[in-house]
Amino acid sequence: MSAARLYRRYLRLCEVWGVDSTKQGRDLGEHIRSQVASAFSQGDLSKIPDLDSCERKLESLERIASNKYFRESDASLPTASGATRDECRDIVSNQGLKAASDFYESSYWTRLKTKWTIR
């Protein structure tokens, strides 16, 4: 496959793959866009040294973007941690990670009081 055709497919992938604003600076969509920009710095005219490897990566990313392996019947099931998909999404957001970091950076006594506070 030519570099120009790969470039167009990568651009289509970037359109499909949204950017998650809750993971700013850590989002896979942002990373993919930056990698495409650096690999195809000259657009359609870019020279890619290993086209086969580039195409395999693209095909893998396309399978992930299309949710090829996602089963709708499992969407409401809890994950291995016991949390739902939405709870996992909240936990790995920048705000969720900051809250966890703040909690674990606090003193042991503060954490103990927080855990045993009646709600």
Protein backbone atom coordinates (compact mmCIF):
# COMPACT_ATOMS: atom_id res chain seq x y z
CA MET A 1 0.00 0.00 0.00
CA SER A 2 1.26 3.46 -0.78
CA ALA A 3 2.11 6.06 1.85
CA ALA A 4 -0.52 8.41 0.42
CA ARG A 5 -3.26 5.82 0.86
CA LEU A 6 -2.09 5.00 4.40
CA TYR A 7 -2.10 8.70 5.22
CA ARG A 8 -5.73 9.06 4.09
CA ARG A 9 -6.73 6.00 6.16
CA TYR A 10 -4.95 7.44 9.22
CA LEU A 11 -6.81 10.73 8.71
CA ARG A 12 -10.12 8.84 8.59
CA LEU A 13 -9.12 7.03 11.79
CA CYS A 14 -8.39 10.37 13.48
CA GLU A 15 -11.87 11.60 12.49
CA VAL A 16 -13.51 8.50 13.97
CA TRP A 17 -11.37 8.45 17.10
CA GLY A 18 -12.63 11.19 19.36
CA VAL A 19 -10.62 13.13 21.91
CA ASP A 20 -11.59 12.55 25.54
CA SER A 21 -11.41 15.94 27.26
CA THR A 22 -11.44 14.29 30.71
CA LYS A 23 -8.02 12.77 29.99
CA GLN A 24 -6.28 15.82 28.60
CA GLY A 25 -2.57 15.13 28.14
CA ARG A 26 -3.12 11.37 28.53
CA ASP A 27 -5.67 10.66 25.81
CA LEU A 28 -4.94 7.97 23.23
CA GLY A 29 -6.69 10.01 20.51
CA GLU A 30 -4.33 12.93 21.15
CA HIS A 31 -1.34 10.59 21.02
CA ILE A 32 -2.46 9.03 17.74
CA ARG A 33 -2.92 12.47 16.18
CA SER A 34 0.55 13.59 17.24
CA GLN A 35 2.13 10.39 15.94
CA VAL A 36 0.35 10.73 12.58
CA ALA A 37 1.48 14.36 12.35
CA SER A 38 5.11 13.42 12.99
CA ALA A 39 5.13 10.31 10.75
CA PHE A 40 3.36 12.04 7.87
CA SER A 41 4.97 15.45 8.21
CA GLN A 42 4.74 16.01 4.46
CA GLY A 43 1.20 14.69 4.12
CA ASP A 44 0.61 12.47 1.09
CA LEU A 45 4.22 12.91 -0.02
CA SER A 46 5.77 11.49 3.16
CA LYS A 47 8.23 8.63 2.90
CA ILE A 48 7.51 5.80 5.33
CA PRO A 49 10.44 3.39 5.78
CA ASP A 50 8.37 0.38 6.90
CA LEU A 51 4.98 0.45 5.19
CA ASP A 52 4.01 -3.06 6.35
CA SER A 53 4.49 -2.21 10.01
CA CYS A 54 2.63 1.06 9.59
CA GLU A 55 -0.27 -0.74 7.92
CA ARG A 56 -0.46 -3.41 10.67
CA LYS A 57 -0.61 -0.69 13.33
CA LEU A 58 -3.34 1.09 11.41
CA GLU A 59 -5.41 -2.09 11.08
CA SER A 60 -5.10 -2.73 14.82
CA LEU A 61 -6.18 0.82 15.66
CA GLU A 62 -9.11 0.54 13.24
CA ARG A 63 -10.29 -2.65 14.98
CA ILE A 64 -10.11 -0.91 18.35
CA ALA A 65 -11.89 2.22 17.04
CA SER A 66 -14.71 0.15 15.55
CA ASN A 67 -15.18 -1.81 18.81
CA LYS A 68 -14.79 -5.04 16.87
CA TYR A 69 -14.44 -7.12 20.03
CA PHE A 70 -17.05 -5.28 22.14
CA ARG A 71 -20.07 -7.33 23.11
CA GLU A 72 -23.15 -5.26 23.86
CA SER A 73 -24.42 -7.95 26.24
CA ASP A 74 -21.41 -7.30 28.52
CA ALA A 75 -21.83 -3.50 28.62
CA SER A 76 -23.83 -3.44 31.85
CA LEU A 77 -21.75 -6.06 33.65
CA PRO A 78 -19.28 -4.90 36.28
CA THR A 79 -15.59 -5.13 35.49
CA ALA A 80 -13.05 -7.25 37.35
CA SER A 81 -12.78 -4.46 39.92
CA GLY A 82 -16.54 -4.54 40.50
CA ALA A 83 -17.02 -1.08 38.99
CA THR A 84 -19.25 -0.39 36.01
CA ARG A 85 -17.93 1.05 32.74
CA ASP A 86 -19.06 4.55 33.67
CA GLU A 87 -17.45 4.32 37.10
CA CYS A 88 -14.17 3.16 35.51
CA ARG A 89 -14.32 6.08 33.07
CA ASP A 90 -14.76 8.49 36.00
CA ILE A 91 -11.91 6.90 37.95
CA VAL A 92 -9.36 7.21 35.13
CA SER A 93 -10.32 10.78 34.27
CA ASN A 94 -7.90 13.52 35.30
CA GLN A 95 -10.27 14.59 38.10
CA GLY A 96 -10.61 11.02 39.39
CA LEU A 97 -6.86 10.47 39.41
CA LYS A 98 -6.33 13.80 41.19
CA ALA A 99 -8.88 12.88 43.86
CA ALA A 100 -7.19 9.51 44.40
CA SER A 101 -3.78 11.15 44.55
CA ASP A 102 -4.99 13.72 47.09
CA PHE A 103 -6.54 10.95 49.17
CA TYR A 104 -3.40 8.81 49.26
CA GLU A 105 -1.11 11.77 49.90
CA SER A 106 -3.09 12.65 53.00
CA SER A 107 -2.08 11.27 56.39
CA TYR A 108 -3.07 7.82 57.52
CA TRP A 109 -5.29 9.29 60.24
CA THR A 110 -7.16 11.49 57.73
CA ARG A 111 -7.73 8.51 55.44
CA LEU A 112 -8.96 6.43 58.35
CA LYS A 113 -11.41 9.16 59.41
CA THR A 114 -12.65 9.52 55.82
CA LYS A 115 -13.19 5.79 55.49
CA TRP A 116 -15.17 5.45 58.71
CA THR A 117 -17.25 8.62 58.41
CA ILE A 118 -20.97 7.80 58.46
CA ARG A 119 -22.65 9.05 55.34
